[in-house]
Amino acid sequence: MPALECPGVFIAAVPDGWTASGRPGEFYELQPPGNDAAVHISVYNRDGQPLRDHEARDVLALFLNRALGSAGGEIRALAEGPAQQRAFARLTKATESGELTGWFTACIIWPKSMLICSFAGSPGHSSVAQAERMFASIAPAGNDAE
């Protein structure tokens, strides 16, 4: 399985056949074969300060409200600790034209970096499980891996 690496920030396993583009170190777009869905990973710098309680959950809720106009979906926080927090949410949202889109989103926070990850495709898209595994595979690199 190929890997996507953001030098000094993270590394992630990418499913075979997926393509990647973007602005290295800032934003990545990955698409499955067929290009009928997309994963976006946005990279943000943090100042190295300790993580606040429930920070990943709170940031993901803010992202869902601002980017999708919805707090829908249950946010699940995992791996809460001083060096890493992860939160995930799944929801279905109608576009302005009424078409339904399935979303799987994640916020991963380390002391010096934060990632906002999203998968968007038709509800029940066959690639959502691959996107979930990709998000789960994300590991810190560089300063946050110490």
N, C-alpha and C. Protein backbone atom coordinates (compact mmCIF):
# COMPACT_ATOMS: atom_id res chain seq x y z
N MET A 1 0.85 -1.18 0.00
CA MET A 1 0.00 0.00 0.00
C MET A 1 0.90 1.24 0.00
N PRO A 2 0.68 2.15 -0.93
CA PRO A 2 1.50 3.37 -0.96
C PRO A 2 1.21 4.26 0.25
N ALA A 3 2.08 5.23 0.45
CA ALA A 3 1.93 6.15 1.58
C ALA A 3 1.91 7.59 1.09
N LEU A 4 1.19 8.42 1.83
CA LEU A 4 1.22 9.86 1.64
C LEU A 4 2.02 10.41 2.80
N GLU A 5 3.04 11.21 2.49
CA GLU A 5 3.85 11.78 3.55
C GLU A 5 3.84 13.30 3.45
N CYS A 6 3.55 13.92 4.57
CA CYS A 6 3.69 15.35 4.73
C CYS A 6 4.94 15.50 5.60
N PRO A 7 6.07 15.81 4.99
CA PRO A 7 7.34 15.80 5.73
C PRO A 7 7.27 16.60 7.03
N GLY A 8 7.71 15.95 8.09
CA GLY A 8 7.74 16.59 9.40
C GLY A 8 6.42 16.66 10.11
N VAL A 9 5.33 16.16 9.46
CA VAL A 9 4.01 16.27 10.08
C VAL A 9 3.34 14.90 10.23
N PHE A 10 3.07 14.21 9.11
CA PHE A 10 2.36 12.93 9.21
C PHE A 10 2.71 12.03 8.04
N ILE A 11 2.34 10.77 8.20
CA ILE A 11 2.40 9.78 7.14
C ILE A 11 1.10 8.99 7.23
N ALA A 12 0.55 8.62 6.07
CA ALA A 12 -0.71 7.88 6.02
C ALA A 12 -0.65 6.83 4.93
N ALA A 13 -1.26 5.69 5.18
CA ALA A 13 -1.39 4.64 4.17
C ALA A 13 -2.50 5.04 3.19
N VAL A 14 -2.21 4.94 1.90
CA VAL A 14 -3.18 5.30 0.86
C VAL A 14 -3.57 4.03 0.12
N PRO A 15 -4.86 3.79 -0.06
CA PRO A 15 -5.29 2.60 -0.78
C PRO A 15 -4.74 2.57 -2.21
N ASP A 16 -4.48 1.38 -2.69
CA ASP A 16 -4.02 1.22 -4.07
C ASP A 16 -5.01 1.85 -5.04
N GLY A 17 -4.48 2.52 -6.06
CA GLY A 17 -5.32 3.12 -7.08
C GLY A 17 -5.80 4.52 -6.80
N TRP A 18 -5.62 5.00 -5.58
CA TRP A 18 -6.04 6.36 -5.26
C TRP A 18 -4.99 7.35 -5.79
N THR A 19 -5.43 8.52 -6.20
CA THR A 19 -4.51 9.56 -6.66
C THR A 19 -4.47 10.69 -5.62
N ALA A 20 -3.33 11.36 -5.56
CA ALA A 20 -3.16 12.45 -4.59
C ALA A 20 -2.66 13.69 -5.30
N SER A 21 -3.16 14.84 -4.86
CA SER A 21 -2.70 16.14 -5.36
C SER A 21 -2.81 17.13 -4.21
N GLY A 22 -2.46 18.36 -4.46
CA GLY A 22 -2.61 19.38 -3.43
C GLY A 22 -1.40 20.26 -3.29
N ARG A 23 -1.35 20.95 -2.15
CA ARG A 23 -0.24 21.83 -1.80
C ARG A 23 0.49 21.18 -0.63
N PRO A 24 1.61 20.52 -0.91
CA PRO A 24 2.32 19.80 0.16
C PRO A 24 2.54 20.67 1.40
N GLY A 25 2.27 20.07 2.53
CA GLY A 25 2.42 20.76 3.81
C GLY A 25 1.23 21.59 4.21
N GLU A 26 0.24 21.75 3.29
CA GLU A 26 -0.94 22.57 3.59
C GLU A 26 -2.25 21.84 3.38
N PHE A 27 -2.38 21.20 2.20
CA PHE A 27 -3.66 20.63 1.80
C PHE A 27 -3.43 19.49 0.82
N TYR A 28 -4.16 18.39 1.02
CA TYR A 28 -4.06 17.23 0.13
C TYR A 28 -5.47 16.81 -0.28
N GLU A 29 -5.61 16.43 -1.54
CA GLU A 29 -6.85 15.84 -2.03
C GLU A 29 -6.51 14.47 -2.58
N LEU A 30 -7.24 13.48 -2.15
CA LEU A 30 -7.05 12.11 -2.62
C LEU A 30 -8.37 11.63 -3.18
N GLN A 31 -8.29 10.90 -4.30
CA GLN A 31 -9.51 10.39 -4.92
C GLN A 31 -9.37 8.92 -5.24
N PRO A 32 -10.46 8.17 -5.04
CA PRO A 32 -10.44 6.76 -5.39
C PRO A 32 -10.56 6.60 -6.91
N PRO A 33 -10.28 5.41 -7.40
CA PRO A 33 -10.52 5.17 -8.83
C PRO A 33 -11.96 5.56 -9.18
N GLY A 34 -12.13 6.21 -10.29
CA GLY A 34 -13.45 6.69 -10.69
C GLY A 34 -13.67 8.15 -10.35
N ASN A 35 -12.86 8.69 -9.45
CA ASN A 35 -12.93 10.10 -9.07
C ASN A 35 -14.35 10.55 -8.72
N ASP A 36 -15.12 9.68 -8.06
CA ASP A 36 -16.49 10.02 -7.71
C ASP A 36 -16.67 10.29 -6.21
N ALA A 37 -15.56 10.50 -5.53
CA ALA A 37 -15.55 10.84 -4.10
C ALA A 37 -14.21 11.52 -3.85
N ALA A 38 -14.04 12.08 -2.66
CA ALA A 38 -12.77 12.74 -2.37
C ALA A 38 -12.48 12.74 -0.88
N VAL A 39 -11.18 12.65 -0.58
CA VAL A 39 -10.66 12.86 0.76
C VAL A 39 -9.89 14.17 0.73
N HIS A 40 -10.11 15.00 1.72
CA HIS A 40 -9.33 16.23 1.88
C HIS A 40 -8.66 16.18 3.24
N ILE A 41 -7.38 16.53 3.25
CA ILE A 41 -6.63 16.62 4.50
C ILE A 41 -5.99 18.00 4.55
N SER A 42 -6.40 18.80 5.52
CA SER A 42 -5.82 20.12 5.72
C SER A 42 -4.88 20.07 6.91
N VAL A 43 -3.71 20.71 6.76
CA VAL A 43 -2.65 20.68 7.76
C VAL A 43 -2.52 22.06 8.39
N TYR A 44 -2.50 22.10 9.71
CA TYR A 44 -2.37 23.35 10.45
C TYR A 44 -1.23 23.21 11.46
N ASN A 45 -0.48 24.28 11.64
CA ASN A 45 0.58 24.31 12.65
C ASN A 45 -0.02 24.69 13.99
N ARG A 46 0.52 24.09 15.05
CA ARG A 46 0.19 24.46 16.42
C ARG A 46 1.47 24.93 17.07
N ASP A 47 1.35 25.57 18.19
CA ASP A 47 2.50 26.19 18.85
C ASP A 47 3.22 25.28 19.84
N GLY A 48 2.83 24.02 19.93
CA GLY A 48 3.47 23.10 20.85
C GLY A 48 2.89 23.12 22.25
N GLN A 49 1.88 23.95 22.48
CA GLN A 49 1.24 24.02 23.79
C GLN A 49 0.49 22.72 24.08
N PRO A 50 0.32 22.39 25.35
CA PRO A 50 -0.43 21.18 25.69
C PRO A 50 -1.83 21.20 25.08
N LEU A 51 -2.31 20.03 24.74
CA LEU A 51 -3.65 19.92 24.19
C LEU A 51 -4.67 20.18 25.29
N ARG A 52 -5.72 20.92 24.93
CA ARG A 52 -6.79 21.18 25.90
C ARG A 52 -7.71 19.97 25.97
N ASP A 53 -8.38 19.79 27.09
CA ASP A 53 -9.35 18.71 27.23
C ASP A 53 -10.37 18.79 26.09
N HIS A 54 -10.61 17.68 25.43
CA HIS A 54 -11.62 17.57 24.37
C HIS A 54 -11.37 18.50 23.18
N GLU A 55 -10.13 18.91 22.97
CA GLU A 55 -9.82 19.87 21.91
C GLU A 55 -10.19 19.33 20.53
N ALA A 56 -9.85 18.07 20.23
CA ALA A 56 -10.16 17.51 18.91
C ALA A 56 -11.67 17.47 18.69
N ARG A 57 -12.41 17.07 19.69
CA ARG A 57 -13.87 17.04 19.57
C ARG A 57 -14.43 18.43 19.31
N ASP A 58 -13.93 19.41 20.04
CA ASP A 58 -14.42 20.78 19.90
C ASP A 58 -14.06 21.37 18.54
N VAL A 59 -12.85 21.11 18.06
CA VAL A 59 -12.44 21.62 16.75
C VAL A 59 -13.26 20.97 15.65
N LEU A 60 -13.51 19.67 15.76
CA LEU A 60 -14.31 18.98 14.75
C LEU A 60 -15.74 19.51 14.73
N ALA A 61 -16.31 19.77 15.89
CA ALA A 61 -17.66 20.34 15.95
C ALA A 61 -17.69 21.71 15.26
N LEU A 62 -16.68 22.52 15.49
CA LEU A 62 -16.59 23.83 14.86
C LEU A 62 -16.47 23.68 13.34
N PHE A 63 -15.63 22.74 12.89
CA PHE A 63 -15.49 22.49 11.45
C PHE A 63 -16.83 22.09 10.83
N LEU A 64 -17.53 21.16 11.47
CA LEU A 64 -18.81 20.71 10.93
C LEU A 64 -19.81 21.86 10.85
N ASN A 65 -19.83 22.71 11.86
CA ASN A 65 -20.75 23.86 11.85
C ASN A 65 -20.39 24.86 10.77
N ARG A 66 -19.12 25.19 10.65
CA ARG A 66 -18.71 26.22 9.69
C ARG A 66 -18.66 25.72 8.25
N ALA A 67 -18.07 24.55 8.03
CA ALA A 67 -17.88 24.06 6.66
C ALA A 67 -19.13 23.42 6.09
N LEU A 68 -19.88 22.70 6.93
CA LEU A 68 -21.03 21.98 6.43
C LEU A 68 -22.36 22.58 6.89
N GLY A 69 -22.28 23.56 7.79
CA GLY A 69 -23.51 24.16 8.29
C GLY A 69 -24.33 23.19 9.10
N SER A 70 -23.66 22.23 9.71
CA SER A 70 -24.39 21.20 10.45
C SER A 70 -23.54 20.67 11.59
N ALA A 71 -24.17 20.44 12.70
CA ALA A 71 -23.50 19.74 13.79
C ALA A 71 -23.98 18.30 13.81
N GLY A 72 -24.70 17.91 12.77
CA GLY A 72 -25.26 16.57 12.69
C GLY A 72 -24.20 15.50 12.82
N GLY A 73 -24.62 14.35 13.22
CA GLY A 73 -23.69 13.25 13.39
C GLY A 73 -23.10 13.28 14.78
N GLU A 74 -22.91 12.12 15.34
CA GLU A 74 -22.30 12.00 16.66
C GLU A 74 -20.79 12.10 16.53
N ILE A 75 -20.17 12.92 17.34
CA ILE A 75 -18.72 13.04 17.35
C ILE A 75 -18.17 12.08 18.39
N ARG A 76 -17.26 11.23 17.97
CA ARG A 76 -16.63 10.28 18.88
C ARG A 76 -15.17 10.68 19.06
N ALA A 77 -14.79 10.85 20.30
CA ALA A 77 -13.40 11.19 20.62
C ALA A 77 -12.66 9.93 21.01
N LEU A 78 -11.47 9.77 20.45
CA LEU A 78 -10.61 8.63 20.75
C LEU A 78 -9.22 9.15 21.08
N ALA A 79 -8.45 8.33 21.74
CA ALA A 79 -7.03 8.63 21.98
C ALA A 79 -6.81 9.98 22.65
N GLU A 80 -7.67 10.32 23.63
CA GLU A 80 -7.46 11.58 24.34
C GLU A 80 -6.24 11.43 25.24
N GLY A 81 -5.27 12.29 25.07
CA GLY A 81 -4.09 12.25 25.91
C GLY A 81 -3.26 13.51 25.71
N PRO A 82 -2.16 13.63 26.42
CA PRO A 82 -1.35 14.85 26.34
C PRO A 82 -0.61 15.01 25.01
N ALA A 83 -0.40 13.92 24.27
CA ALA A 83 0.38 14.00 23.04
C ALA A 83 -0.46 13.80 21.78
N GLN A 84 -1.72 13.39 21.93
CA GLN A 84 -2.55 13.15 20.75
C GLN A 84 -4.02 13.10 21.13
N GLN A 85 -4.85 13.68 20.26
CA GLN A 85 -6.30 13.53 20.37
C GLN A 85 -6.84 13.26 18.97
N ARG A 86 -7.86 12.42 18.91
CA ARG A 86 -8.53 12.11 17.65
C ARG A 86 -10.03 12.12 17.89
N ALA A 87 -10.76 12.74 16.96
CA ALA A 87 -12.22 12.75 17.01
C ALA A 87 -12.74 12.49 15.60
N PHE A 88 -13.86 11.77 15.51
CA PHE A 88 -14.43 11.38 14.23
C PHE A 88 -15.93 11.63 14.25
N ALA A 89 -16.49 11.87 13.08
CA ALA A 89 -17.95 12.02 12.95
C ALA A 89 -18.37 11.55 11.57
N ARG A 90 -19.56 11.01 11.50
CA ARG A 90 -20.15 10.58 10.25
C ARG A 90 -21.53 11.23 10.15
N LEU A 91 -21.86 11.77 8.97
CA LEU A 91 -23.17 12.35 8.78
C LEU A 91 -23.53 12.35 7.30
N THR A 92 -24.79 12.55 7.03
CA THR A 92 -25.29 12.70 5.67
C THR A 92 -25.93 14.07 5.59
N LYS A 93 -25.60 14.79 4.55
CA LYS A 93 -26.09 16.17 4.40
C LYS A 93 -26.57 16.38 2.98
N ALA A 94 -27.65 17.09 2.82
CA ALA A 94 -28.15 17.42 1.49
C ALA A 94 -27.44 18.66 0.96
N THR A 95 -27.10 18.64 -0.33
CA THR A 95 -26.52 19.81 -0.98
C THR A 95 -27.65 20.80 -1.27
N GLU A 96 -27.30 21.96 -1.78
CA GLU A 96 -28.31 22.96 -2.12
C GLU A 96 -29.31 22.44 -3.15
N SER A 97 -28.83 21.52 -4.02
CA SER A 97 -29.72 20.95 -5.03
C SER A 97 -30.52 19.76 -4.51
N GLY A 98 -30.33 19.41 -3.24
CA GLY A 98 -31.08 18.32 -2.63
C GLY A 98 -30.41 16.96 -2.72
N GLU A 99 -29.24 16.88 -3.37
CA GLU A 99 -28.51 15.62 -3.47
C GLU A 99 -27.84 15.31 -2.14
N LEU A 100 -27.96 14.05 -1.71
CA LEU A 100 -27.36 13.66 -0.44
C LEU A 100 -25.88 13.33 -0.61
N THR A 101 -25.08 13.78 0.36
CA THR A 101 -23.65 13.48 0.40
C THR A 101 -23.34 12.87 1.75
N GLY A 102 -22.59 11.77 1.71
CA GLY A 102 -22.14 11.14 2.94
C GLY A 102 -20.78 11.69 3.33
N TRP A 103 -20.62 12.01 4.58
CA TRP A 103 -19.36 12.58 5.09
C TRP A 103 -18.81 11.70 6.20
N PHE A 104 -17.50 11.52 6.20
CA PHE A 104 -16.78 10.94 7.32
C PHE A 104 -15.66 11.93 7.60
N THR A 105 -15.62 12.49 8.79
CA THR A 105 -14.67 13.54 9.10
C THR A 105 -13.83 13.17 10.32
N ALA A 106 -12.66 13.78 10.40
CA ALA A 106 -11.76 13.52 11.52
C ALA A 106 -10.97 14.77 11.85
N CYS A 107 -10.64 14.91 13.12
CA CYS A 107 -9.69 15.91 13.58
C CYS A 107 -8.64 15.16 14.38
N ILE A 108 -7.38 15.35 14.00
CA ILE A 108 -6.26 14.71 14.69
C ILE A 108 -5.34 15.84 15.15
N ILE A 109 -5.06 15.85 16.44
CA ILE A 109 -4.24 16.93 17.01
C ILE A 109 -3.05 16.35 17.75
N TRP A 110 -1.88 16.93 17.47
CA TRP A 110 -0.65 16.67 18.21
C TRP A 110 -0.16 18.03 18.70
N PRO A 111 0.82 18.09 19.58
CA PRO A 111 1.26 19.38 20.11
C PRO A 111 1.67 20.41 19.04
N LYS A 112 2.29 19.98 17.95
CA LYS A 112 2.78 20.94 16.96
C LYS A 112 2.02 20.95 15.65
N SER A 113 1.01 20.08 15.51
CA SER A 113 0.27 19.98 14.25
C SER A 113 -1.18 19.58 14.51
N MET A 114 -2.04 19.95 13.56
CA MET A 114 -3.44 19.54 13.60
C MET A 114 -3.87 19.22 12.18
N LEU A 115 -4.66 18.16 12.02
CA LEU A 115 -5.21 17.78 10.72
C LEU A 115 -6.73 17.80 10.78
N ILE A 116 -7.35 18.34 9.76
CA ILE A 116 -8.78 18.19 9.55
C ILE A 116 -8.92 17.34 8.29
N CYS A 117 -9.57 16.20 8.44
CA CYS A 117 -9.70 15.23 7.36
C CYS A 117 -11.18 15.03 7.05
N SER A 118 -11.51 14.91 5.77
CA SER A 118 -12.90 14.64 5.42
C SER A 118 -12.97 13.75 4.19
N PHE A 119 -13.96 12.89 4.19
CA PHE A 119 -14.31 12.09 3.03
C PHE A 119 -15.71 12.51 2.64
N ALA A 120 -15.93 12.78 1.36
CA ALA A 120 -17.26 13.12 0.86
C ALA A 120 -17.53 12.27 -0.37
N GLY A 121 -18.69 11.64 -0.38
CA GLY A 121 -19.13 10.82 -1.50
C GLY A 121 -20.61 10.52 -1.34
N SER A 122 -21.14 9.76 -2.25
CA SER A 122 -22.54 9.39 -2.13
C SER A 122 -22.73 8.57 -0.85
N PRO A 123 -23.90 8.68 -0.22
CA PRO A 123 -24.13 7.89 1.00
C PRO A 123 -23.88 6.40 0.71
N GLY A 124 -23.12 5.77 1.60
CA GLY A 124 -22.80 4.36 1.41
C GLY A 124 -21.76 4.09 0.34
N HIS A 125 -21.03 5.11 -0.09
CA HIS A 125 -20.01 4.94 -1.14
C HIS A 125 -19.06 3.82 -0.76
N SER A 126 -18.66 3.05 -1.73
CA SER A 126 -17.81 1.89 -1.47
C SER A 126 -16.42 2.25 -0.94
N SER A 127 -15.99 3.49 -1.10
CA SER A 127 -14.65 3.89 -0.66
C SER A 127 -14.61 4.46 0.75
N VAL A 128 -15.76 4.61 1.40
CA VAL A 128 -15.74 5.20 2.74
C VAL A 128 -14.93 4.34 3.71
N ALA A 129 -15.02 3.03 3.60
CA ALA A 129 -14.24 2.16 4.51
C ALA A 129 -12.75 2.34 4.27
N GLN A 130 -12.34 2.55 3.03
CA GLN A 130 -10.93 2.81 2.75
C GLN A 130 -10.50 4.15 3.34
N ALA A 131 -11.35 5.14 3.26
CA ALA A 131 -11.04 6.45 3.84
C ALA A 131 -10.91 6.33 5.36
N GLU A 132 -11.80 5.56 5.98
CA GLU A 132 -11.72 5.36 7.43
C GLU A 132 -10.39 4.72 7.81
N ARG A 133 -9.96 3.71 7.06
CA ARG A 133 -8.67 3.07 7.35
C ARG A 133 -7.52 4.04 7.11
N MET A 134 -7.64 4.88 6.07
CA MET A 134 -6.59 5.87 5.81
C MET A 134 -6.47 6.82 7.00
N PHE A 135 -7.58 7.35 7.50
CA PHE A 135 -7.55 8.27 8.63
C PHE A 135 -6.98 7.58 9.87
N ALA A 136 -7.37 6.33 10.08
CA ALA A 136 -6.87 5.59 11.23
C ALA A 136 -5.37 5.33 11.14
N SER A 137 -4.84 5.24 9.91
CA SER A 137 -3.42 4.95 9.72
C SER A 137 -2.53 6.17 9.91
N ILE A 138 -3.11 7.35 9.97
CA ILE A 138 -2.30 8.56 10.05
C ILE A 138 -1.48 8.54 11.34
N ALA A 139 -0.18 8.71 11.16
CA ALA A 139 0.75 8.71 12.28
C ALA A 139 1.61 9.97 12.23
N PRO A 140 1.98 10.50 13.40
CA PRO A 140 2.80 11.70 13.40
C PRO A 140 4.21 11.40 12.86
N ALA A 141 4.79 12.42 12.28
CA ALA A 141 6.18 12.35 11.80
C ALA A 141 6.89 13.62 12.26
N GLY A 142 8.17 13.60 12.32
CA GLY A 142 8.92 14.79 12.71
C GLY A 142 8.75 15.14 14.16
N ASN A 143 8.52 16.40 14.44
CA ASN A 143 8.50 16.91 15.81
C ASN A 143 7.44 16.25 16.69
N ASP A 144 6.28 15.91 16.13
CA ASP A 144 5.23 15.31 16.94
C ASP A 144 5.44 13.83 17.19
N ALA A 145 6.39 13.21 16.48
CA ALA A 145 6.66 11.79 16.66
C ALA A 145 7.64 11.53 17.80
N GLU A 146 8.19 12.58 18.37
CA GLU A 146 9.19 12.42 19.44
C GLU A 146 8.59 11.83 20.69
